[in-house]
Amino acid sequence: MSGTGVAAFDSEKRAELLLYLHELAAEEPQEIWRKETEIGLASGIDEIFHFFFDDNDFDQSAVGRSLINSKEVESIDGVKSLLDAMLLDLPKGNDTAFVGHTLWPRLRAQAHRALSIFGASE
C-alpha cells in the first residue's frame, strides 16, 4: 500500500500472469514445463492452478493492482472457468491428462484471446 491507502500496481504479478497465459496458449506446454523443471523451477499444471486459484483472485478488485480494466478481468474469468471445468473432470489429473483433455484446445484459444486483450491494454 502506498501512503494514500491505495495499493500500488504490481507489474511483477502482471508479468507472471502473462507468463502463465503464454504457457497455456503454447502448442506444447509440457515441453516448457519439462525445460523449466530441468533447471530446478516448479512448473506445470499444478503451479498454474495455484497461481490462478490459490494465490490470486483476478476479479474486479485486481483492476489497478495487476489488471488494467474489466476486459482483462473477463478474459481471465474465461481462462479460470475452463480450468475449473477441467478440474472437475480430472481432480487428480497430471500435466498429460490436462493437456489431453477435450477442453484444452478451448483453453489455449482463451489464453490467446486473453493475451491479445492484455496486449491491447498496454
N, C-alpha and C. Protein backbone atom coordinates (compact mmCIF):
# COMPACT_ATOMS: atom_id res chain seq x y z
N MET A 1 0.84 -1.18 0.00
CA MET A 1 0.00 0.00 0.00
C MET A 1 0.88 1.24 0.00
N SER A 2 0.45 2.22 -0.71
CA SER A 2 1.16 3.48 -0.69
C SER A 2 0.63 4.32 0.47
N GLY A 3 1.19 5.47 0.67
CA GLY A 3 0.79 6.33 1.76
C GLY A 3 -0.66 6.80 1.65
N THR A 4 -1.26 6.70 0.46
CA THR A 4 -2.64 7.14 0.27
C THR A 4 -3.65 6.06 0.56
N GLY A 5 -3.20 4.87 0.91
CA GLY A 5 -4.12 3.77 1.19
C GLY A 5 -4.52 2.99 -0.06
N VAL A 6 -3.96 3.33 -1.20
CA VAL A 6 -4.26 2.64 -2.45
C VAL A 6 -3.09 1.72 -2.78
N ALA A 7 -3.41 0.48 -3.14
CA ALA A 7 -2.37 -0.49 -3.46
C ALA A 7 -1.66 -0.06 -4.74
N ALA A 8 -0.36 -0.22 -4.76
CA ALA A 8 0.44 0.10 -5.94
C ALA A 8 0.24 -0.96 -7.01
N PHE A 9 0.43 -0.57 -8.26
CA PHE A 9 0.30 -1.51 -9.36
C PHE A 9 1.43 -2.54 -9.26
N ASP A 10 1.07 -3.80 -9.36
CA ASP A 10 2.03 -4.89 -9.21
C ASP A 10 2.45 -5.40 -10.59
N SER A 11 3.45 -4.78 -11.16
CA SER A 11 3.89 -5.16 -12.50
C SER A 11 4.54 -6.55 -12.50
N GLU A 12 5.12 -6.98 -11.39
CA GLU A 12 5.70 -8.33 -11.31
C GLU A 12 4.59 -9.38 -11.37
N LYS A 13 3.49 -9.15 -10.68
CA LYS A 13 2.35 -10.09 -10.72
C LYS A 13 1.79 -10.15 -12.13
N ARG A 14 1.70 -9.01 -12.78
CA ARG A 14 1.20 -8.96 -14.15
C ARG A 14 2.13 -9.73 -15.09
N ALA A 15 3.42 -9.56 -14.92
CA ALA A 15 4.39 -10.28 -15.75
C ALA A 15 4.27 -11.79 -15.54
N GLU A 16 4.08 -12.19 -14.29
CA GLU A 16 3.91 -13.62 -14.00
C GLU A 16 2.63 -14.15 -14.64
N LEU A 17 1.56 -13.37 -14.57
CA LEU A 17 0.31 -13.75 -15.20
C LEU A 17 0.50 -13.94 -16.70
N LEU A 18 1.20 -13.03 -17.33
CA LEU A 18 1.45 -13.15 -18.77
C LEU A 18 2.26 -14.40 -19.10
N LEU A 19 3.23 -14.74 -18.25
CA LEU A 19 4.00 -15.97 -18.47
C LEU A 19 3.09 -17.20 -18.42
N TYR A 20 2.20 -17.24 -17.44
CA TYR A 20 1.29 -18.39 -17.33
C TYR A 20 0.33 -18.43 -18.52
N LEU A 21 -0.15 -17.28 -18.98
CA LEU A 21 -1.02 -17.27 -20.16
C LEU A 21 -0.27 -17.77 -21.39
N HIS A 22 1.01 -17.40 -21.52
CA HIS A 22 1.81 -17.90 -22.64
C HIS A 22 1.96 -19.42 -22.56
N GLU A 23 2.15 -19.95 -21.36
CA GLU A 23 2.24 -21.41 -21.20
C GLU A 23 0.94 -22.08 -21.63
N LEU A 24 -0.19 -21.51 -21.19
CA LEU A 24 -1.49 -22.10 -21.54
C LEU A 24 -1.78 -21.98 -23.03
N ALA A 25 -1.27 -20.96 -23.67
CA ALA A 25 -1.51 -20.76 -25.10
C ALA A 25 -0.55 -21.57 -25.98
N ALA A 26 0.51 -22.07 -25.39
CA ALA A 26 1.56 -22.76 -26.15
C ALA A 26 1.05 -24.05 -26.79
N GLU A 27 1.60 -24.34 -27.94
CA GLU A 27 1.25 -25.59 -28.63
C GLU A 27 1.74 -26.80 -27.83
N GLU A 28 2.90 -26.68 -27.22
CA GLU A 28 3.48 -27.78 -26.44
C GLU A 28 3.85 -27.30 -25.02
N PRO A 29 2.87 -27.06 -24.16
CA PRO A 29 3.20 -26.56 -22.82
C PRO A 29 4.04 -27.54 -22.00
N GLN A 30 3.85 -28.81 -22.25
CA GLN A 30 4.62 -29.80 -21.49
C GLN A 30 6.12 -29.67 -21.76
N GLU A 31 6.49 -29.24 -22.94
CA GLU A 31 7.90 -29.03 -23.26
C GLU A 31 8.44 -27.85 -22.43
N ILE A 32 7.65 -26.79 -22.33
CA ILE A 32 8.04 -25.65 -21.49
C ILE A 32 8.21 -26.11 -20.05
N TRP A 33 7.23 -26.84 -19.54
CA TRP A 33 7.26 -27.30 -18.16
C TRP A 33 8.45 -28.23 -17.91
N ARG A 34 8.75 -29.11 -18.88
CA ARG A 34 9.88 -30.02 -18.73
C ARG A 34 11.20 -29.24 -18.64
N LYS A 35 11.38 -28.27 -19.53
CA LYS A 35 12.60 -27.47 -19.53
C LYS A 35 12.75 -26.68 -18.23
N GLU A 36 11.66 -26.12 -17.76
CA GLU A 36 11.72 -25.36 -16.50
C GLU A 36 12.05 -26.26 -15.32
N THR A 37 11.49 -27.45 -15.31
CA THR A 37 11.75 -28.41 -14.24
C THR A 37 13.21 -28.84 -14.26
N GLU A 38 13.78 -29.01 -15.47
CA GLU A 38 15.18 -29.42 -15.60
C GLU A 38 16.15 -28.41 -14.98
N ILE A 39 15.75 -27.14 -14.96
CA ILE A 39 16.65 -26.14 -14.37
C ILE A 39 16.26 -25.81 -12.92
N GLY A 40 15.40 -26.65 -12.35
CA GLY A 40 15.07 -26.52 -10.94
C GLY A 40 13.87 -25.68 -10.59
N LEU A 41 13.08 -25.28 -11.59
CA LEU A 41 11.89 -24.49 -11.32
C LEU A 41 10.69 -25.41 -11.12
N ALA A 42 9.76 -24.99 -10.29
CA ALA A 42 8.48 -25.70 -10.18
C ALA A 42 7.63 -25.25 -11.36
N SER A 43 7.15 -26.18 -12.14
CA SER A 43 6.44 -25.83 -13.35
C SER A 43 5.45 -26.93 -13.71
N GLY A 44 4.29 -26.53 -14.23
CA GLY A 44 3.30 -27.49 -14.66
C GLY A 44 1.90 -27.03 -14.31
N ILE A 45 0.95 -27.90 -14.54
CA ILE A 45 -0.45 -27.56 -14.33
C ILE A 45 -0.74 -27.25 -12.86
N ASP A 46 -0.08 -27.91 -11.93
CA ASP A 46 -0.30 -27.63 -10.51
C ASP A 46 0.04 -26.18 -10.18
N GLU A 47 1.15 -25.68 -10.71
CA GLU A 47 1.55 -24.30 -10.44
C GLU A 47 0.56 -23.32 -11.06
N ILE A 48 0.04 -23.67 -12.23
CA ILE A 48 -0.96 -22.82 -12.88
C ILE A 48 -2.21 -22.72 -12.01
N PHE A 49 -2.67 -23.86 -11.49
CA PHE A 49 -3.85 -23.83 -10.62
C PHE A 49 -3.59 -23.02 -9.35
N HIS A 50 -2.43 -23.20 -8.75
CA HIS A 50 -2.11 -22.42 -7.55
C HIS A 50 -2.12 -20.93 -7.87
N PHE A 51 -1.53 -20.55 -8.98
CA PHE A 51 -1.44 -19.14 -9.34
C PHE A 51 -2.82 -18.53 -9.56
N PHE A 52 -3.66 -19.21 -10.35
CA PHE A 52 -4.95 -18.64 -10.71
C PHE A 52 -6.01 -18.76 -9.61
N PHE A 53 -5.92 -19.80 -8.77
CA PHE A 53 -6.99 -20.03 -7.81
C PHE A 53 -6.58 -19.83 -6.35
N ASP A 54 -5.37 -20.16 -5.98
CA ASP A 54 -4.96 -20.07 -4.58
C ASP A 54 -4.29 -18.74 -4.25
N ASP A 55 -3.47 -18.27 -5.17
CA ASP A 55 -2.62 -17.11 -4.89
C ASP A 55 -3.23 -15.78 -5.32
N ASN A 56 -4.20 -15.82 -6.23
CA ASN A 56 -4.75 -14.58 -6.81
C ASN A 56 -6.23 -14.73 -7.09
N ASP A 57 -6.93 -13.59 -7.12
CA ASP A 57 -8.34 -13.60 -7.48
C ASP A 57 -8.57 -13.14 -8.92
N PHE A 58 -7.85 -12.11 -9.32
CA PHE A 58 -8.01 -11.52 -10.65
C PHE A 58 -9.47 -11.18 -10.95
N ASP A 59 -10.16 -10.68 -9.93
CA ASP A 59 -11.52 -10.19 -10.12
C ASP A 59 -11.47 -8.67 -10.24
N GLN A 60 -12.60 -8.00 -10.14
CA GLN A 60 -12.64 -6.54 -10.29
C GLN A 60 -11.72 -5.84 -9.30
N SER A 61 -11.49 -6.47 -8.14
CA SER A 61 -10.61 -5.83 -7.15
C SER A 61 -9.15 -5.77 -7.63
N ALA A 62 -8.82 -6.55 -8.64
CA ALA A 62 -7.45 -6.54 -9.18
C ALA A 62 -7.22 -5.41 -10.18
N VAL A 63 -8.29 -4.77 -10.64
CA VAL A 63 -8.14 -3.66 -11.56
C VAL A 63 -7.41 -2.53 -10.84
N GLY A 64 -6.33 -2.10 -11.44
CA GLY A 64 -5.50 -1.08 -10.84
C GLY A 64 -4.36 -1.64 -10.00
N ARG A 65 -4.41 -2.96 -9.73
CA ARG A 65 -3.33 -3.59 -8.97
C ARG A 65 -2.48 -4.50 -9.85
N SER A 66 -3.11 -5.37 -10.63
CA SER A 66 -2.38 -6.23 -11.56
C SER A 66 -3.08 -6.30 -12.92
N LEU A 67 -4.32 -5.86 -12.95
CA LEU A 67 -5.08 -5.80 -14.20
C LEU A 67 -5.41 -4.34 -14.49
N ILE A 68 -5.59 -4.03 -15.76
CA ILE A 68 -5.81 -2.64 -16.16
C ILE A 68 -7.29 -2.30 -16.26
N ASN A 69 -8.11 -3.25 -16.73
CA ASN A 69 -9.52 -2.92 -16.94
C ASN A 69 -10.40 -4.18 -16.83
N SER A 70 -11.71 -3.98 -16.95
CA SER A 70 -12.65 -5.09 -16.80
C SER A 70 -12.57 -6.09 -17.96
N LYS A 71 -12.09 -5.67 -19.13
CA LYS A 71 -11.90 -6.62 -20.24
C LYS A 71 -10.86 -7.67 -19.86
N GLU A 72 -9.81 -7.23 -19.16
CA GLU A 72 -8.80 -8.19 -18.70
C GLU A 72 -9.41 -9.13 -17.66
N VAL A 73 -10.22 -8.60 -16.77
CA VAL A 73 -10.88 -9.44 -15.76
C VAL A 73 -11.72 -10.51 -16.46
N GLU A 74 -12.50 -10.11 -17.44
CA GLU A 74 -13.36 -11.04 -18.17
C GLU A 74 -12.54 -12.10 -18.90
N SER A 75 -11.41 -11.71 -19.46
CA SER A 75 -10.59 -12.68 -20.19
C SER A 75 -10.01 -13.72 -19.22
N ILE A 76 -9.60 -13.28 -18.03
CA ILE A 76 -9.06 -14.21 -17.04
C ILE A 76 -10.19 -15.08 -16.48
N ASP A 77 -11.38 -14.52 -16.33
CA ASP A 77 -12.53 -15.33 -15.91
C ASP A 77 -12.75 -16.49 -16.88
N GLY A 78 -12.59 -16.23 -18.18
CA GLY A 78 -12.75 -17.28 -19.17
C GLY A 78 -11.72 -18.38 -19.01
N VAL A 79 -10.49 -17.99 -18.74
CA VAL A 79 -9.42 -18.97 -18.51
C VAL A 79 -9.73 -19.79 -17.26
N LYS A 80 -10.10 -19.10 -16.19
CA LYS A 80 -10.37 -19.79 -14.92
C LYS A 80 -11.58 -20.72 -15.02
N SER A 81 -12.60 -20.32 -15.77
CA SER A 81 -13.78 -21.17 -15.94
C SER A 81 -13.43 -22.48 -16.63
N LEU A 82 -12.60 -22.39 -17.66
CA LEU A 82 -12.19 -23.61 -18.37
C LEU A 82 -11.30 -24.48 -17.50
N LEU A 83 -10.36 -23.87 -16.78
CA LEU A 83 -9.52 -24.65 -15.86
C LEU A 83 -10.38 -25.35 -14.81
N ASP A 84 -11.36 -24.64 -14.28
CA ASP A 84 -12.24 -25.20 -13.26
C ASP A 84 -13.04 -26.38 -13.82
N ALA A 85 -13.56 -26.23 -15.02
CA ALA A 85 -14.32 -27.33 -15.65
C ALA A 85 -13.44 -28.55 -15.85
N MET A 86 -12.21 -28.33 -16.25
CA MET A 86 -11.28 -29.45 -16.45
C MET A 86 -10.96 -30.12 -15.12
N LEU A 87 -10.80 -29.32 -14.07
CA LEU A 87 -10.50 -29.88 -12.75
C LEU A 87 -11.63 -30.76 -12.24
N LEU A 88 -12.86 -30.40 -12.56
CA LEU A 88 -14.00 -31.24 -12.16
C LEU A 88 -13.90 -32.63 -12.78
N ASP A 89 -13.43 -32.69 -14.01
CA ASP A 89 -13.25 -33.98 -14.70
C ASP A 89 -11.99 -34.71 -14.24
N LEU A 90 -10.97 -33.95 -13.86
CA LEU A 90 -9.65 -34.53 -13.54
C LEU A 90 -9.16 -34.05 -12.18
N PRO A 91 -9.86 -34.40 -11.10
CA PRO A 91 -9.45 -33.87 -9.79
C PRO A 91 -8.04 -34.26 -9.37
N LYS A 92 -7.51 -35.33 -9.91
CA LYS A 92 -6.15 -35.76 -9.59
C LYS A 92 -5.30 -35.89 -10.85
N GLY A 93 -5.70 -35.14 -11.89
CA GLY A 93 -5.02 -35.23 -13.17
C GLY A 93 -3.63 -34.62 -13.14
N ASN A 94 -2.76 -35.16 -13.97
CA ASN A 94 -1.41 -34.63 -14.10
C ASN A 94 -1.32 -33.77 -15.36
N ASP A 95 -0.13 -33.29 -15.67
CA ASP A 95 0.07 -32.44 -16.84
C ASP A 95 -0.47 -33.09 -18.11
N THR A 96 -0.13 -34.35 -18.31
CA THR A 96 -0.54 -35.06 -19.52
C THR A 96 -2.05 -35.16 -19.63
N ALA A 97 -2.71 -35.46 -18.51
CA ALA A 97 -4.17 -35.58 -18.52
C ALA A 97 -4.83 -34.25 -18.87
N PHE A 98 -4.34 -33.16 -18.31
CA PHE A 98 -4.94 -31.86 -18.61
C PHE A 98 -4.71 -31.45 -20.05
N VAL A 99 -3.49 -31.60 -20.54
CA VAL A 99 -3.20 -31.23 -21.92
C VAL A 99 -3.99 -32.09 -22.90
N GLY A 100 -4.33 -33.31 -22.51
CA GLY A 100 -5.11 -34.19 -23.36
C GLY A 100 -6.62 -34.05 -23.20
N HIS A 101 -7.06 -33.22 -22.28
CA HIS A 101 -8.50 -33.04 -22.03
C HIS A 101 -9.16 -32.39 -23.24
N THR A 102 -10.42 -32.74 -23.47
CA THR A 102 -11.14 -32.20 -24.63
C THR A 102 -11.31 -30.68 -24.58
N LEU A 103 -11.25 -30.09 -23.39
CA LEU A 103 -11.37 -28.63 -23.27
C LEU A 103 -10.04 -27.90 -23.48
N TRP A 104 -8.93 -28.64 -23.56
CA TRP A 104 -7.63 -27.98 -23.68
C TRP A 104 -7.55 -27.04 -24.89
N PRO A 105 -8.02 -27.45 -26.08
CA PRO A 105 -7.96 -26.52 -27.22
C PRO A 105 -8.73 -25.21 -26.96
N ARG A 106 -9.86 -25.31 -26.27
CA ARG A 106 -10.62 -24.10 -25.92
C ARG A 106 -9.84 -23.24 -24.93
N LEU A 107 -9.16 -23.89 -23.99
CA LEU A 107 -8.35 -23.17 -23.01
C LEU A 107 -7.21 -22.43 -23.72
N ARG A 108 -6.55 -23.12 -24.65
CA ARG A 108 -5.47 -22.48 -25.42
C ARG A 108 -6.01 -21.25 -26.16
N ALA A 109 -7.17 -21.41 -26.79
CA ALA A 109 -7.77 -20.29 -27.54
C ALA A 109 -8.12 -19.14 -26.60
N GLN A 110 -8.65 -19.45 -25.43
CA GLN A 110 -8.98 -18.40 -24.47
C GLN A 110 -7.73 -17.72 -23.95
N ALA A 111 -6.66 -18.46 -23.74
CA ALA A 111 -5.40 -17.86 -23.31
C ALA A 111 -4.87 -16.93 -24.40
N HIS A 112 -5.01 -17.33 -25.67
CA HIS A 112 -4.61 -16.45 -26.78
C HIS A 112 -5.45 -15.17 -26.78
N ARG A 113 -6.77 -15.31 -26.57
CA ARG A 113 -7.63 -14.12 -26.52
C ARG A 113 -7.21 -13.20 -25.38
N ALA A 114 -6.94 -13.81 -24.22
CA ALA A 114 -6.52 -13.01 -23.07
C ALA A 114 -5.22 -12.26 -23.38
N LEU A 115 -4.27 -12.93 -23.98
CA LEU A 115 -3.00 -12.28 -24.33
C LEU A 115 -3.25 -11.12 -25.30
N SER A 116 -4.16 -11.31 -26.22
CA SER A 116 -4.49 -10.25 -27.17
C SER A 116 -5.10 -9.05 -26.44
N ILE A 117 -5.99 -9.31 -25.51
CA ILE A 117 -6.61 -8.24 -24.73
C ILE A 117 -5.57 -7.52 -23.88
N PHE A 118 -4.68 -8.28 -23.27
CA PHE A 118 -3.63 -7.68 -22.45
C PHE A 118 -2.71 -6.82 -23.31
N GLY A 119 -2.41 -7.29 -24.51
CA GLY A 119 -1.57 -6.51 -25.41
C GLY A 119 -2.23 -5.21 -25.83
N ALA A 120 -3.55 -5.25 -26.03
CA ALA A 120 -4.29 -4.06 -26.42
C ALA A 120 -4.40 -3.07 -25.26
N SER A 121 -4.30 -3.57 -24.03
CA SER A 121 -4.45 -2.71 -22.85
C SER A 121 -3.19 -1.90 -22.56
N GLU A 122 -2.08 -2.35 -23.07
CA GLU A 122 -0.80 -1.70 -22.70
C GLU A 122 -0.42 -0.60 -23.66
